Amino acid sequence: MQPGRLFLIGLLLVALPRGAEAQRRAQQPAANLRDIPTVTRTYAITNARIVVAPGREIPQGTVVLRNGLIEAVGQDVSVPTDAWILPGDSLVVYAGFIDGLSHVGIPAPRREENRTESQRRRVENPGNPPPEQAGLTPYRDVRTLLKANDPSIEKLRRVGFTMAHVVPRGRMLPGQGALILLRGQTPTDMVYQGEVSLFAQLEPAQGVYPATDMAVLARFRQLYREAARRRQHATLYASNPRGLEPPPYDPVHAAFFPVLEKRQPVFFYTQDALDIHRVLALHQQLNFPLKLAGLSGSFDVLEKLKDANIPLFLTLDLPEAPKDTSKATRTLSDDSLAARHNTYLHVSSYQDVSAEIENLKARQAKERIKYYATAARLHAAGLRFGFSTRDVKPDKILRNLRTMIKYGLPEEAALAALTIDAARLLGIDQATGTIETGKLANLVVTTGPLFEEKTRIRYVFVAGELFEIKEPERRPRAQPEADTPVRADGTWSCTVDSPEGSVDATLRVAGQSGTLSSSAVPQEHPLENLTLDGNQLSFSVTTNAYGRIEARLTLSGDAAEGTLDVPGIGVLPIRCTRTSGPDR
């Protein structure tokens, strides 16, 4: 046999198995991809509806991902032989969602050991406390606080988020933010870009200066101007040190230098209209680069925000109606309730109290609708914004988006806020936010149009890494024995483990109502959404200092244990003992 023919036969013998392997991969069911050792970072989603960007789509096409990037997208894209194929028939592909500001990946702080209440109060000069006690830690880098195995990462990824701007927890100046990818085995794997923001908020210190919102603003102004003076001194010394004392280094002031040089924005988290007015006035005085997040009460300051022309990140948290026990109104929607409100109702006797109660519910519904329609009003005013997930539970995000759409936000605008608008406002639109060649392979694959209630997320790609989203198993909740019904009524003495020590609290429950007070927030706050399901007690309280606090307790006789979810601080353990009640 001729040597040339031997060579040709050998070549065919080598090539045939490779072709068979490619065919096997093409026929491999997508559901089993995670069970097979991955030898390639190449994927192809075929025959899918591809939403390239809001208002731009390919009715039926293919997306090819290779080594964490989008290699090709279009109707006539060839599938590489080394690609794992995900049949996209009946599926829709979107760009991955971007979180404008959150604490995802940052565990809630735990109570410091051996730090009693009396030790906390021992401050030599409460008017000038140590920076950490005053909430001044702008030098902290969030990258040192990330935990790759924190459950919040998976929870946020399950609802379509692939990238997040993450900031530290804390009070007035918690530290420096970073952009992270919601994947990776170590914090280093997660970080996309560091030192992207200086995070600030109107969160006063406890028992020391700055202890009020106005004091926080005054302290920020003082720190900023002192930092400018120190930077000028440092610049002069660097240009010619002869005859000058070396400038002292202070980490708090040095953290402002990138802001002073316009290289880093201040991300200020605000809530109501008054907060926004105050921060915008501070911005006008000092002229620092500013981005606002939160903005739940921004419907009252639209003109101010238009004049300021700064990036905005609207909270995805929405107010919830309290649990209603009245048969007349508990099945009514907020729209139906609001329509019943009588502005001129006057109560003349105790016999009219029930009418006043129903009118109050109607008024509350009208107020809630303002928050539902905030996103629509921002859009109608021509303001571009992204979304922040900081104060919302991930399992409520898609529901709240549908509510915003119901109250006037166009679907394209909602999608833009999740993707390309968020990317532009964060300065990363060249890398992500749309499904285009060369961009990060951050994708969300759904079973139908994103905002339809029945649609489910099937797959999420983060920088080309595939995550299959499976429905969680629902376990039946254990019911208490019929002859020993659980009751929550009574007065409970509670202890909350906070990052700054133990906080004493008093919980009072009577039927479907009650109050909560504490040494940190002495006034009694009414319980909202009070529910007792088996031995699981849940409620919320709205405070001026911390916003809406969510509580979940497990009752066992006259004892209870659970958690308080406090905005800006985290999930805190709480233990209670019933001191008076039905059986005491």
Protein backbone atom coordinates (compact mmCIF):
# COMPACT_ATOMS: atom_id res chain seq x y z
CA MET A 1 0.00 0.00 0.00
CA GLN A 2 1.28 3.47 -0.83
CA PRO A 3 2.49 5.63 2.06
CA GLY A 4 0.06 8.41 1.02
CA ARG A 5 -2.96 6.08 1.34
CA LEU A 6 -1.74 4.87 4.75
CA PHE A 7 -1.54 8.46 5.90
CA LEU A 8 -5.09 9.21 4.62
CA ILE A 9 -6.58 6.15 6.40
CA GLY A 10 -4.83 7.10 9.63
CA LEU A 11 -6.17 10.62 9.37
CA LEU A 12 -9.74 9.33 8.95
CA LEU A 13 -9.39 7.00 11.93
CA VAL A 14 -8.34 9.95 14.09
CA ALA A 15 -11.03 12.29 12.77
CA LEU A 16 -14.06 9.97 13.03
CA PRO A 17 -14.20 9.79 16.83
CA ARG A 18 -13.98 13.58 17.06
CA GLY A 19 -16.98 13.97 14.74
CA ALA A 20 -18.95 11.37 16.72
CA GLU A 21 -18.11 13.17 19.94
CA ALA A 22 -19.36 16.48 18.51
CA GLN A 23 -22.60 14.80 17.44
CA ARG A 24 -23.04 13.29 20.90
CA ARG A 25 -22.63 16.69 22.49
CA ALA A 26 -25.15 18.21 20.13
CA GLN A 27 -27.71 15.59 21.14
CA GLN A 28 -26.98 15.82 24.87
CA PRO A 29 -30.08 17.02 26.80
CA ALA A 30 -29.48 20.46 28.33
CA ALA A 31 -30.85 19.37 31.72
CA ASN A 32 -27.91 17.00 32.21
CA LEU A 33 -25.15 19.45 31.33
CA ARG A 34 -24.22 20.10 34.95
CA ASP A 35 -23.81 16.35 35.58
CA ILE A 36 -21.10 15.92 32.95
CA PRO A 37 -17.49 17.01 33.50
CA THR A 38 -17.09 20.18 31.43
CA VAL A 39 -14.16 20.02 29.04
CA THR A 40 -15.19 23.12 27.11
CA ARG A 41 -16.27 26.65 27.98
CA THR A 42 -18.23 26.94 24.75
CA TYR A 43 -22.04 26.93 24.68
CA ALA A 44 -24.60 27.47 21.95
CA ILE A 45 -28.23 28.42 22.63
CA THR A 46 -30.06 27.58 19.43
CA ASN A 47 -33.48 28.45 17.94
CA ALA A 48 -34.29 30.90 20.74
CA ARG A 49 -35.95 34.30 20.76
CA ILE A 50 -33.08 36.69 21.54
CA VAL A 51 -33.78 40.11 23.07
CA VAL A 52 -30.54 41.82 22.07
CA ALA A 53 -31.55 45.03 23.88
CA PRO A 54 -34.84 46.67 24.88
CA GLY A 55 -36.75 47.15 21.62
CA ARG A 56 -34.33 45.02 19.56
CA GLU A 57 -34.77 41.28 19.15
CA ILE A 58 -34.06 38.32 16.91
CA PRO A 59 -37.22 36.18 16.64
CA GLN A 60 -35.26 32.95 16.17
CA GLY A 61 -31.51 32.80 16.42
CA THR A 62 -28.41 31.40 18.07
CA VAL A 63 -26.05 32.77 20.72
CA VAL A 64 -22.55 31.28 20.97
CA LEU A 65 -20.55 31.78 24.17
CA ARG A 66 -16.84 31.00 24.41
CA ASN A 67 -14.43 31.56 27.30
CA GLY A 68 -16.79 33.87 29.15
CA LEU A 69 -17.61 36.13 26.18
CA ILE A 70 -20.31 36.31 23.52
CA GLU A 71 -18.63 34.99 20.39
CA ALA A 72 -21.55 35.29 17.97
CA VAL A 73 -25.25 36.13 17.92
CA GLY A 74 -27.68 36.09 15.00
CA GLN A 75 -30.07 34.14 12.81
CA ASP A 76 -27.48 32.31 10.69
CA VAL A 77 -24.78 31.61 13.27
CA SER A 78 -22.86 28.34 12.88
CA VAL A 79 -22.66 26.11 15.94
CA PRO A 80 -19.04 25.23 16.84
CA THR A 81 -18.27 21.51 17.01
CA ASP A 82 -16.90 21.84 20.56
CA ALA A 83 -20.01 23.56 21.96
CA TRP A 84 -22.53 22.21 24.44
CA ILE A 85 -25.89 22.87 22.82
CA LEU A 86 -28.93 24.17 24.69
CA PRO A 87 -32.01 23.87 22.48
CA GLY A 88 -33.76 27.21 22.83
CA ASP A 89 -37.12 26.33 21.29
CA SER A 90 -39.80 28.26 23.24
CA LEU A 91 -37.09 29.97 25.33
CA VAL A 92 -36.20 33.68 25.48
CA VAL A 93 -32.68 35.01 26.02
CA TYR A 94 -32.05 38.34 27.77
CA ALA A 95 -28.91 40.17 28.88
CA GLY A 96 -28.05 39.45 32.51
CA PHE A 97 -29.51 41.83 35.10
CA ILE A 98 -27.30 44.36 36.90
CA ASP A 99 -27.84 45.38 40.54
CA GLY A 100 -27.04 49.07 41.01
CA LEU A 101 -26.40 48.85 44.77
CA SER A 102 -26.67 46.10 47.37
CA HIS A 103 -24.91 44.15 50.12
CA VAL A 104 -25.00 40.84 48.24
CA GLY A 105 -22.13 38.60 49.28
CA ILE A 106 -21.56 40.54 52.53
CA PRO A 107 -22.72 38.55 55.58
CA ALA A 108 -24.69 40.42 58.22
CA PRO A 109 -22.42 41.51 61.10
CA ARG A 110 -22.44 39.55 64.34
CA ARG A 111 -22.41 40.91 67.86
CA GLU A 112 -18.93 41.74 69.09
CA GLU A 113 -17.81 39.39 71.84
CA ASN A 114 -17.37 40.69 75.40
CA ARG A 115 -18.79 44.09 74.54
CA THR A 116 -21.49 44.98 77.04
CA GLU A 117 -23.85 47.93 76.95
CA SER A 118 -21.88 49.76 79.64
CA GLN A 119 -18.64 49.34 77.63
CA ARG A 120 -20.33 50.73 74.55
CA ARG A 121 -21.24 53.88 76.41
CA ARG A 122 -17.73 54.54 77.70
CA VAL A 123 -16.61 57.25 75.28
CA GLU A 124 -14.22 59.86 76.59
CA ASN A 125 -15.55 62.49 74.21
CA PRO A 126 -18.98 61.67 72.67
CA GLY A 127 -18.66 64.80 70.55
CA ASN A 128 -15.52 63.45 68.88
CA PRO A 129 -15.60 59.65 69.13
CA PRO A 130 -13.21 57.22 67.38
CA PRO A 131 -14.01 56.96 63.63
CA GLU A 132 -15.30 53.38 63.84
CA GLN A 133 -17.76 54.25 66.59
CA ALA A 134 -18.95 57.29 64.67
CA GLY A 135 -19.61 55.13 61.60
CA LEU A 136 -16.67 56.63 59.67
CA THR A 137 -14.90 53.79 57.85
CA PRO A 138 -14.60 55.10 54.26
CA TYR A 139 -11.25 53.34 53.91
CA ARG A 140 -12.81 49.85 54.16
CA ASP A 141 -12.70 47.97 50.87
CA VAL A 142 -15.74 45.79 50.23
CA ARG A 143 -13.51 43.26 48.46
CA THR A 144 -12.05 42.25 51.81
CA LEU A 145 -15.56 41.56 53.15
CA LEU A 146 -16.91 39.36 50.35
CA LYS A 147 -17.82 35.74 51.05
CA ALA A 148 -18.14 33.64 47.90
CA ASN A 149 -20.37 31.10 49.68
CA ASP A 150 -22.81 33.64 51.13
CA PRO A 151 -26.40 32.46 50.35
CA SER A 152 -27.43 35.92 49.13
CA ILE A 153 -25.38 35.41 45.95
CA GLU A 154 -27.33 32.38 44.79
CA LYS A 155 -30.66 33.93 45.80
CA LEU A 156 -30.02 37.01 43.67
CA ARG A 157 -28.68 34.96 40.77
CA ARG A 158 -31.84 32.80 40.80
CA VAL A 159 -33.90 35.84 39.80
CA GLY A 160 -31.62 36.76 36.89
CA PHE A 161 -28.91 39.01 38.33
CA THR A 162 -25.41 38.38 37.05
CA MET A 163 -23.49 41.45 38.24
CA ALA A 164 -23.83 43.76 41.24
CA HIS A 165 -22.39 46.97 42.63
CA VAL A 166 -21.71 45.90 46.22
CA VAL A 167 -21.01 48.22 49.15
CA PRO A 168 -20.11 47.49 52.80
CA ARG A 169 -22.64 47.51 55.61
CA GLY A 170 -22.37 50.23 58.23
CA ARG A 171 -23.58 53.68 59.17
CA MET A 172 -22.59 57.08 57.77
CA LEU A 173 -19.56 56.11 55.64
CA PRO A 174 -19.31 52.30 55.47
CA GLY A 175 -16.54 52.13 52.85
CA GLN A 176 -15.59 51.57 49.20
CA GLY A 177 -17.81 49.69 46.71
CA ALA A 178 -16.89 47.24 43.94
CA LEU A 179 -18.50 45.63 40.92
CA ILE A 180 -18.72 41.86 41.26
CA LEU A 181 -19.83 38.91 39.14
CA LEU A 182 -22.26 36.61 40.91
CA ARG A 183 -20.10 33.51 40.57
CA GLY A 184 -16.75 32.18 41.69
CA GLN A 185 -15.20 30.06 44.43
CA THR A 186 -13.26 32.91 46.05
CA PRO A 187 -13.75 36.68 46.42
CA THR A 188 -10.95 37.17 43.90
CA ASP A 189 -12.93 35.20 41.31
CA MET A 190 -15.95 37.44 41.87
CA VAL A 191 -14.41 40.91 41.58
CA TYR A 192 -14.89 42.60 38.22
CA GLN A 193 -13.75 46.11 39.19
CA GLY A 194 -12.74 47.56 42.55
CA GLU A 195 -12.85 51.01 44.16
CA VAL A 196 -15.78 52.14 42.03
CA SER A 197 -17.56 54.19 44.71
CA LEU A 198 -17.48 55.77 48.14
CA PHE A 199 -20.68 54.71 49.88
CA ALA A 200 -22.54 57.17 52.13
CA GLN A 201 -25.94 57.26 53.81
CA LEU A 202 -27.93 59.25 56.35
CA GLU A 203 -27.37 56.70 59.13
CA PRO A 204 -26.52 58.49 62.42
CA ALA A 205 -24.29 56.95 65.08
CA GLN A 206 -25.81 55.72 68.34
CA GLY A 207 -25.09 57.81 71.41
CA VAL A 208 -22.20 59.77 69.86
CA TYR A 209 -21.67 62.42 67.20
CA PRO A 210 -23.03 62.42 64.50
CA ALA A 211 -26.29 61.28 66.13
CA THR A 212 -28.80 62.97 63.77
CA ASP A 213 -29.29 63.32 60.03
CA MET A 214 -28.27 66.97 60.13
CA ALA A 215 -25.15 66.04 62.08
CA VAL A 216 -24.30 63.43 59.44
CA LEU A 217 -24.49 66.10 56.74
CA ALA A 218 -22.38 68.50 58.80
CA ARG A 219 -19.78 65.79 59.45
CA PHE A 220 -19.61 64.91 55.76
CA ARG A 221 -19.11 68.57 54.87
CA GLN A 222 -16.35 68.90 57.49
CA LEU A 223 -14.55 65.74 56.35
CA TYR A 224 -14.75 66.71 52.69
CA ARG A 225 -13.29 70.20 53.20
CA GLU A 226 -10.57 68.93 55.53
CA ALA A 227 -9.70 66.22 52.99
CA ALA A 228 -9.38 68.91 50.30
CA ARG A 229 -6.97 70.87 52.53
CA ARG A 230 -4.88 67.76 53.28
CA ARG A 231 -4.75 66.81 49.59
CA GLN A 232 -3.52 70.30 48.71
CA HIS A 233 -0.79 69.96 51.35
CA ALA A 234 0.19 66.53 50.02
CA THR A 235 0.34 67.88 46.44
CA LEU A 236 2.58 70.78 47.47
CA TYR A 237 4.87 68.48 49.41
CA ALA A 238 5.14 66.05 46.48
CA SER A 239 6.12 68.87 44.09
CA ASN A 240 8.83 70.32 46.37
CA PRO A 241 9.26 68.92 49.90
CA ARG A 242 12.13 71.25 50.88
CA GLY A 243 11.18 73.40 53.84
CA LEU A 244 7.86 71.65 54.43
CA GLU A 245 6.83 69.22 57.13
CA PRO A 246 5.66 65.84 55.79
CA PRO A 247 1.86 65.82 55.71
CA PRO A 248 0.30 63.45 58.28
CA TYR A 249 -1.59 60.47 56.88
CA ASP A 250 -5.19 59.95 57.92
CA PRO A 251 -7.10 57.04 56.31
CA VAL A 252 -10.52 58.69 56.70
CA HIS A 253 -9.50 61.83 54.82
CA ALA A 254 -7.35 59.94 52.31
CA ALA A 255 -10.42 57.93 51.28
CA PHE A 256 -11.90 61.17 49.90
CA PHE A 257 -8.94 61.89 47.59
CA PRO A 258 -10.34 59.90 44.60
CA VAL A 259 -13.65 61.75 45.04
CA LEU A 260 -11.88 65.12 45.12
CA GLU A 261 -10.03 64.15 41.94
CA LYS A 262 -13.37 63.22 40.27
CA ARG A 263 -12.13 59.65 39.77
CA GLN A 264 -14.71 58.11 42.07
CA PRO A 265 -18.37 59.02 42.73
CA VAL A 266 -20.13 59.11 46.08
CA PHE A 267 -23.07 56.68 46.10
CA PHE A 268 -25.55 58.22 48.55
CA TYR A 269 -28.45 56.03 49.72
CA THR A 270 -31.60 58.06 50.39
CA GLN A 271 -35.22 57.29 51.18
CA ASP A 272 -37.79 60.07 51.40
CA ALA A 273 -38.04 63.44 49.68
CA LEU A 274 -36.41 65.27 52.60
CA ASP A 275 -33.34 63.02 52.42
CA ILE A 276 -33.04 63.66 48.70
CA HIS A 277 -33.37 67.46 49.14
CA ARG A 278 -30.65 67.46 51.79
CA VAL A 279 -28.19 65.34 49.81
CA LEU A 280 -28.75 67.37 46.63
CA ALA A 281 -28.08 70.57 48.60
CA LEU A 282 -24.86 69.03 49.95
CA HIS A 283 -23.86 68.07 46.42
CA GLN A 284 -24.50 71.60 45.18
CA GLN A 285 -22.34 73.07 47.99
CA LEU A 286 -19.36 70.74 47.56
CA ASN A 287 -19.61 69.77 43.86
CA PHE A 288 -18.53 66.14 44.22
CA PRO A 289 -19.49 63.41 41.72
CA LEU A 290 -22.77 61.96 43.02
CA LYS A 291 -25.01 58.98 42.29
CA LEU A 292 -28.24 58.46 44.23
CA ALA A 293 -29.75 55.14 45.25
CA GLY A 294 -32.89 54.17 47.16
CA LEU A 295 -35.19 57.04 46.13
CA SER A 296 -38.41 55.43 47.37
CA GLY A 297 -39.94 58.89 47.94
CA SER A 298 -38.57 60.45 44.75
CA PHE A 299 -42.06 61.01 43.28
CA ASP A 300 -42.15 64.27 45.30
CA VAL A 301 -38.83 65.66 43.95
CA LEU A 302 -38.92 64.92 40.22
CA GLU A 303 -38.01 68.47 39.16
CA LYS A 304 -35.08 68.55 41.58
CA LEU A 305 -33.77 65.28 40.18
CA LYS A 306 -34.15 66.53 36.61
CA ASP A 307 -32.17 69.68 37.44
CA ALA A 308 -29.45 67.65 39.18
CA ASN A 309 -29.02 65.33 36.14
CA ILE A 310 -27.23 62.58 38.08
CA PRO A 311 -27.36 58.76 37.84
CA LEU A 312 -30.22 57.18 39.81
CA PHE A 313 -30.81 53.66 41.14
CA LEU A 314 -34.37 53.10 42.32
CA THR A 315 -35.08 50.58 45.07
CA LEU A 316 -37.00 47.46 44.06
CA ASP A 317 -38.58 47.37 47.50
CA LEU A 318 -42.27 48.27 47.60
CA PRO A 319 -44.59 48.79 50.59
CA GLU A 320 -46.92 45.93 51.44
CA ALA A 321 -50.46 46.20 52.72
CA PRO A 322 -50.91 45.20 56.39
CA LYS A 323 -52.85 42.04 57.08
CA ASP A 324 -56.54 42.91 56.94
CA THR A 325 -59.03 41.01 59.10
CA SER A 326 -62.08 42.92 57.92
CA LYS A 327 -64.34 40.85 55.66
CA ALA A 328 -65.44 44.03 53.91
CA THR A 329 -62.00 45.03 52.61
CA ARG A 330 -59.50 42.16 52.90
CA THR A 331 -60.20 40.87 49.36
CA LEU A 332 -60.09 44.31 47.72
CA SER A 333 -57.14 45.44 45.61
CA ASP A 334 -55.28 48.64 46.41
CA ASP A 335 -57.02 50.31 43.46
CA SER A 336 -60.46 49.37 44.79
CA LEU A 337 -59.54 50.47 48.30
CA ALA A 338 -58.12 53.79 47.12
CA ALA A 339 -61.31 54.52 45.18
CA ARG A 340 -63.25 54.34 48.48
CA HIS A 341 -61.25 57.10 50.15
CA ASN A 342 -63.34 60.06 51.31
CA THR A 343 -61.20 63.15 51.84
CA TYR A 344 -64.00 64.94 53.71
CA LEU A 345 -65.04 62.18 56.10
CA HIS A 346 -65.64 63.46 59.64
CA VAL A 347 -66.32 61.25 62.66
CA SER A 348 -68.86 62.62 65.11
CA SER A 349 -69.30 59.68 67.50
CA TYR A 350 -67.94 56.29 68.48
CA GLN A 351 -70.52 54.70 66.19
CA ASP A 352 -68.58 56.06 63.18
CA VAL A 353 -65.24 54.56 64.21
CA SER A 354 -65.55 51.60 61.82
CA ALA A 355 -66.13 53.99 58.90
CA GLU A 356 -63.03 55.95 59.93
CA ILE A 357 -60.98 52.74 60.04
CA GLU A 358 -62.09 51.75 56.53
CA ASN A 359 -61.34 55.27 55.27
CA LEU A 360 -57.87 55.08 56.80
CA LYS A 361 -57.24 51.80 54.94
CA ALA A 362 -58.31 53.50 51.73
CA ARG A 363 -55.93 56.38 52.39
CA GLN A 364 -53.08 53.95 53.05
CA ALA A 365 -53.82 52.25 49.74
CA LYS A 366 -53.60 55.61 47.95
CA GLU A 367 -50.18 56.20 49.50
CA ARG A 368 -48.93 52.75 48.53
CA ILE A 369 -49.95 53.37 44.92
CA LYS A 370 -47.65 56.42 44.86
CA TYR A 371 -44.71 54.11 45.54
CA TYR A 372 -45.89 51.55 42.98
CA ALA A 373 -45.98 54.29 40.33
CA THR A 374 -42.64 55.93 41.21
CA ALA A 375 -40.70 54.11 38.47
CA ALA A 376 -43.31 55.13 35.89
CA ARG A 377 -43.14 58.76 36.99
CA LEU A 378 -39.33 58.80 36.80
CA HIS A 379 -39.55 57.37 33.29
CA ALA A 380 -42.24 59.84 32.22
CA ALA A 381 -40.06 62.70 33.48
CA GLY A 382 -37.27 61.54 31.15
CA LEU A 383 -35.01 60.35 33.95
CA ARG A 384 -32.81 57.32 33.25
CA PHE A 385 -32.35 54.94 36.16
CA GLY A 386 -31.22 51.49 37.19
CA PHE A 387 -32.46 49.37 40.10
CA SER A 388 -31.11 48.65 43.59
CA THR A 389 -31.91 45.41 45.45
CA ARG A 390 -30.55 46.55 48.81
CA ASP A 391 -33.77 46.50 50.85
CA VAL A 392 -35.79 43.87 49.01
CA LYS A 393 -35.94 40.11 49.42
CA PRO A 394 -34.92 38.40 46.14
CA ASP A 395 -38.09 36.31 45.91
CA LYS A 396 -40.15 39.53 45.72
CA ILE A 397 -38.15 41.24 42.97
CA LEU A 398 -39.96 39.92 39.89
CA ARG A 399 -43.34 40.40 41.57
CA ASN A 400 -42.48 44.01 42.40
CA LEU A 401 -41.32 44.64 38.84
CA ARG A 402 -44.68 43.40 37.58
CA THR A 403 -46.37 45.79 40.02
CA MET A 404 -44.31 48.72 38.68
CA ILE A 405 -45.34 47.75 35.15
CA LYS A 406 -48.98 47.49 36.19
CA TYR A 407 -48.78 51.07 37.47
CA GLY A 408 -47.38 52.57 34.28
CA LEU A 409 -43.73 51.60 33.76
CA PRO A 410 -43.30 50.35 30.16
CA GLU A 411 -41.83 46.85 29.91
CA GLU A 412 -38.99 48.08 27.71
CA ALA A 413 -38.09 50.71 30.31
CA ALA A 414 -38.12 48.07 33.08
CA LEU A 415 -35.83 45.82 31.04
CA ALA A 416 -33.52 48.75 30.26
CA ALA A 417 -33.26 49.60 33.97
CA LEU A 418 -32.25 46.00 34.66
CA THR A 419 -29.69 45.87 31.85
CA ILE A 420 -28.35 48.56 29.51
CA ASP A 421 -29.36 51.66 31.50
CA ALA A 422 -27.81 50.22 34.66
CA ALA A 423 -24.65 49.40 32.67
CA ARG A 424 -24.45 52.95 31.27
CA LEU A 425 -24.95 54.57 34.67
CA LEU A 426 -22.19 52.37 36.12
CA GLY A 427 -19.89 53.03 33.17
CA ILE A 428 -19.68 49.39 31.98
CA ASP A 429 -21.96 49.46 28.94
CA GLN A 430 -19.06 48.57 26.61
CA ALA A 431 -18.72 45.26 28.47
CA THR A 432 -22.28 44.24 29.36
CA GLY A 433 -25.97 45.23 29.27
CA THR A 434 -26.82 43.89 25.79
CA ILE A 435 -26.33 40.63 23.85
CA GLU A 436 -23.62 41.65 21.42
CA THR A 437 -20.43 40.07 20.13
CA GLY A 438 -17.45 40.63 22.40
CA LYS A 439 -19.43 41.46 25.53
CA LEU A 440 -19.45 39.42 28.74
CA ALA A 441 -21.49 36.23 28.49
CA ASN A 442 -23.99 37.39 31.12
CA LEU A 443 -27.36 36.01 30.07
CA VAL A 444 -30.78 35.09 31.45
CA VAL A 445 -32.78 32.36 29.68
CA THR A 446 -36.50 32.23 30.47
CA THR A 447 -39.47 30.07 29.52
CA GLY A 448 -41.38 33.04 28.10
CA PRO A 449 -41.66 36.86 28.16
CA LEU A 450 -39.83 38.06 31.26
CA PHE A 451 -42.61 39.97 32.99
CA GLU A 452 -45.41 37.44 32.57
CA GLU A 453 -46.39 35.88 35.88
CA LYS A 454 -46.06 32.27 34.65
CA THR A 455 -42.59 32.79 33.17
CA ARG A 456 -39.75 30.98 34.94
CA ILE A 457 -35.99 31.47 34.69
CA ARG A 458 -34.36 28.29 33.33
CA TYR A 459 -30.69 29.21 33.00
CA VAL A 460 -28.38 32.02 34.04
CA PHE A 461 -24.91 32.53 32.54
CA VAL A 462 -22.40 34.59 34.52
CA ALA A 463 -19.26 35.35 32.52
CA GLY A 464 -19.94 32.18 30.54
CA GLU A 465 -20.53 29.93 33.56
CA LEU A 466 -23.83 28.06 33.35
CA PHE A 467 -26.26 27.86 36.27
CA GLU A 468 -29.43 25.83 35.86
CA ILE A 469 -32.27 27.28 37.93
CA LYS A 470 -34.40 24.51 39.37
CA GLU A 471 -37.63 25.01 41.28
CA PRO A 472 -36.98 24.61 45.02
CA GLU A 473 -38.50 21.58 46.71
CA ARG A 474 -41.48 22.56 48.82
CA ARG A 475 -41.61 20.73 52.12
CA PRO A 476 -44.88 20.56 54.01
CA ARG A 477 -44.76 22.74 57.09
CA ALA A 478 -45.09 20.85 60.34
CA GLN A 479 -48.36 21.68 62.09
CA PRO A 480 -48.67 21.92 65.88
CA GLU A 481 -50.72 19.27 67.62
CA ALA A 482 -54.44 19.96 67.57
CA ASP A 483 -54.82 19.82 71.34
CA THR A 484 -52.04 22.37 71.99
CA PRO A 485 -52.72 25.39 69.74
CA VAL A 486 -49.94 27.98 69.72
CA ARG A 487 -50.86 31.46 70.88
CA ALA A 488 -48.76 34.60 70.52
CA ASP A 489 -50.88 36.90 72.72
CA GLY A 490 -49.14 38.49 75.64
CA THR A 491 -46.14 40.60 76.58
CA TRP A 492 -42.71 39.30 75.56
CA SER A 493 -39.35 40.43 76.92
CA CYS A 494 -36.80 40.17 74.11
CA THR A 495 -33.07 40.54 73.53
CA VAL A 496 -31.62 41.44 70.12
CA ASP A 497 -27.97 40.69 69.35
CA SER A 498 -26.83 43.73 67.37
CA PRO A 499 -23.33 44.55 66.06
CA GLU A 500 -23.00 47.11 68.86
CA GLY A 501 -24.19 44.90 71.73
CA SER A 502 -27.42 43.55 73.16
CA VAL A 503 -30.60 45.59 72.71
CA ASP A 504 -33.58 45.04 75.02
CA ALA A 505 -37.01 45.04 73.39
CA THR A 506 -40.64 44.59 74.45
CA LEU A 507 -43.14 42.87 72.15
CA ARG A 508 -46.86 43.10 72.88
CA VAL A 509 -49.36 41.00 70.92
CA ALA A 510 -53.12 41.08 71.26
CA GLY A 511 -55.04 39.20 68.59
CA GLN A 512 -54.25 40.74 65.19
CA SER A 513 -52.44 43.80 66.54
CA GLY A 514 -49.53 44.70 68.76
CA THR A 515 -46.50 46.94 69.32
CA LEU A 516 -42.71 46.71 69.49
CA SER A 517 -40.35 49.00 71.39
CA SER A 518 -36.67 48.76 72.32
CA SER A 519 -33.83 50.51 74.08
CA ALA A 520 -32.57 51.60 70.62
CA VAL A 521 -36.02 52.86 69.48
CA PRO A 522 -37.97 53.59 72.72
CA GLN A 523 -41.30 54.63 71.24
CA GLU A 524 -43.85 51.90 70.59
CA HIS A 525 -44.32 51.04 66.92
CA PRO A 526 -47.44 49.21 65.69
CA LEU A 527 -46.97 45.74 64.23
CA GLU A 528 -47.76 45.40 60.53
CA ASN A 529 -48.53 42.23 58.53
CA LEU A 530 -48.91 40.28 61.80
CA THR A 531 -49.31 36.60 60.96
CA LEU A 532 -49.27 33.42 63.09
CA ASP A 533 -48.98 30.32 60.90
CA GLY A 534 -48.66 27.23 63.10
CA ASN A 535 -45.84 28.18 65.46
CA GLN A 536 -44.33 30.72 63.03
CA LEU A 537 -44.94 34.36 64.01
CA SER A 538 -44.04 37.08 61.50
CA PHE A 539 -44.59 40.83 61.43
CA SER A 540 -42.94 44.08 60.39
CA VAL A 541 -42.54 47.53 61.95
CA THR A 542 -41.71 50.79 60.22
CA THR A 543 -39.27 53.08 62.05
CA ASN A 544 -37.80 56.47 61.19
CA ALA A 545 -34.32 55.34 62.20
CA TYR A 546 -34.07 52.04 60.34
CA GLY A 547 -36.95 51.85 57.84
CA ARG A 548 -39.10 48.71 57.70
CA ILE A 549 -37.87 45.92 59.98
CA GLU A 550 -39.02 42.38 59.19
CA ALA A 551 -39.36 39.86 62.06
CA ARG A 552 -39.74 36.08 62.03
CA LEU A 553 -40.08 34.08 65.26
CA THR A 554 -40.62 30.42 66.08
CA LEU A 555 -42.79 30.01 69.20
CA SER A 556 -42.34 27.21 71.69
CA GLY A 557 -44.54 27.65 74.75
CA ASP A 558 -43.45 30.83 76.49
CA ALA A 559 -40.17 31.07 74.54
CA ALA A 560 -39.48 32.35 71.04
CA GLU A 561 -36.42 32.63 68.85
CA GLY A 562 -35.92 34.12 65.41
CA THR A 563 -34.47 37.00 63.44
CA LEU A 564 -34.95 40.70 62.74
CA ASP A 565 -34.02 41.89 59.25
CA VAL A 566 -32.89 45.50 59.79
CA PRO A 567 -32.17 47.60 56.64
CA GLY A 568 -28.57 48.76 56.53
CA ILE A 569 -27.51 46.45 59.36
CA GLY A 570 -28.56 42.92 58.41
CA VAL A 571 -30.26 39.91 59.95
CA LEU A 572 -29.98 39.96 63.75
CA PRO A 573 -30.84 37.13 66.19
CA ILE A 574 -33.69 37.77 68.67
CA ARG A 575 -34.73 35.74 71.73
CA CYS A 576 -37.96 36.32 73.67
CA THR A 577 -39.65 35.12 76.86
CA ARG A 578 -43.34 35.65 77.51
CA THR A 579 -43.78 37.55 80.78
CA SER A 580 -47.57 37.85 80.66
CA GLY A 581 -50.27 36.37 78.52
CA PRO A 582 -53.18 33.93 78.32
CA ASP A 583 -51.63 31.31 80.59
CA ARG A 584 -49.53 33.45 82.89
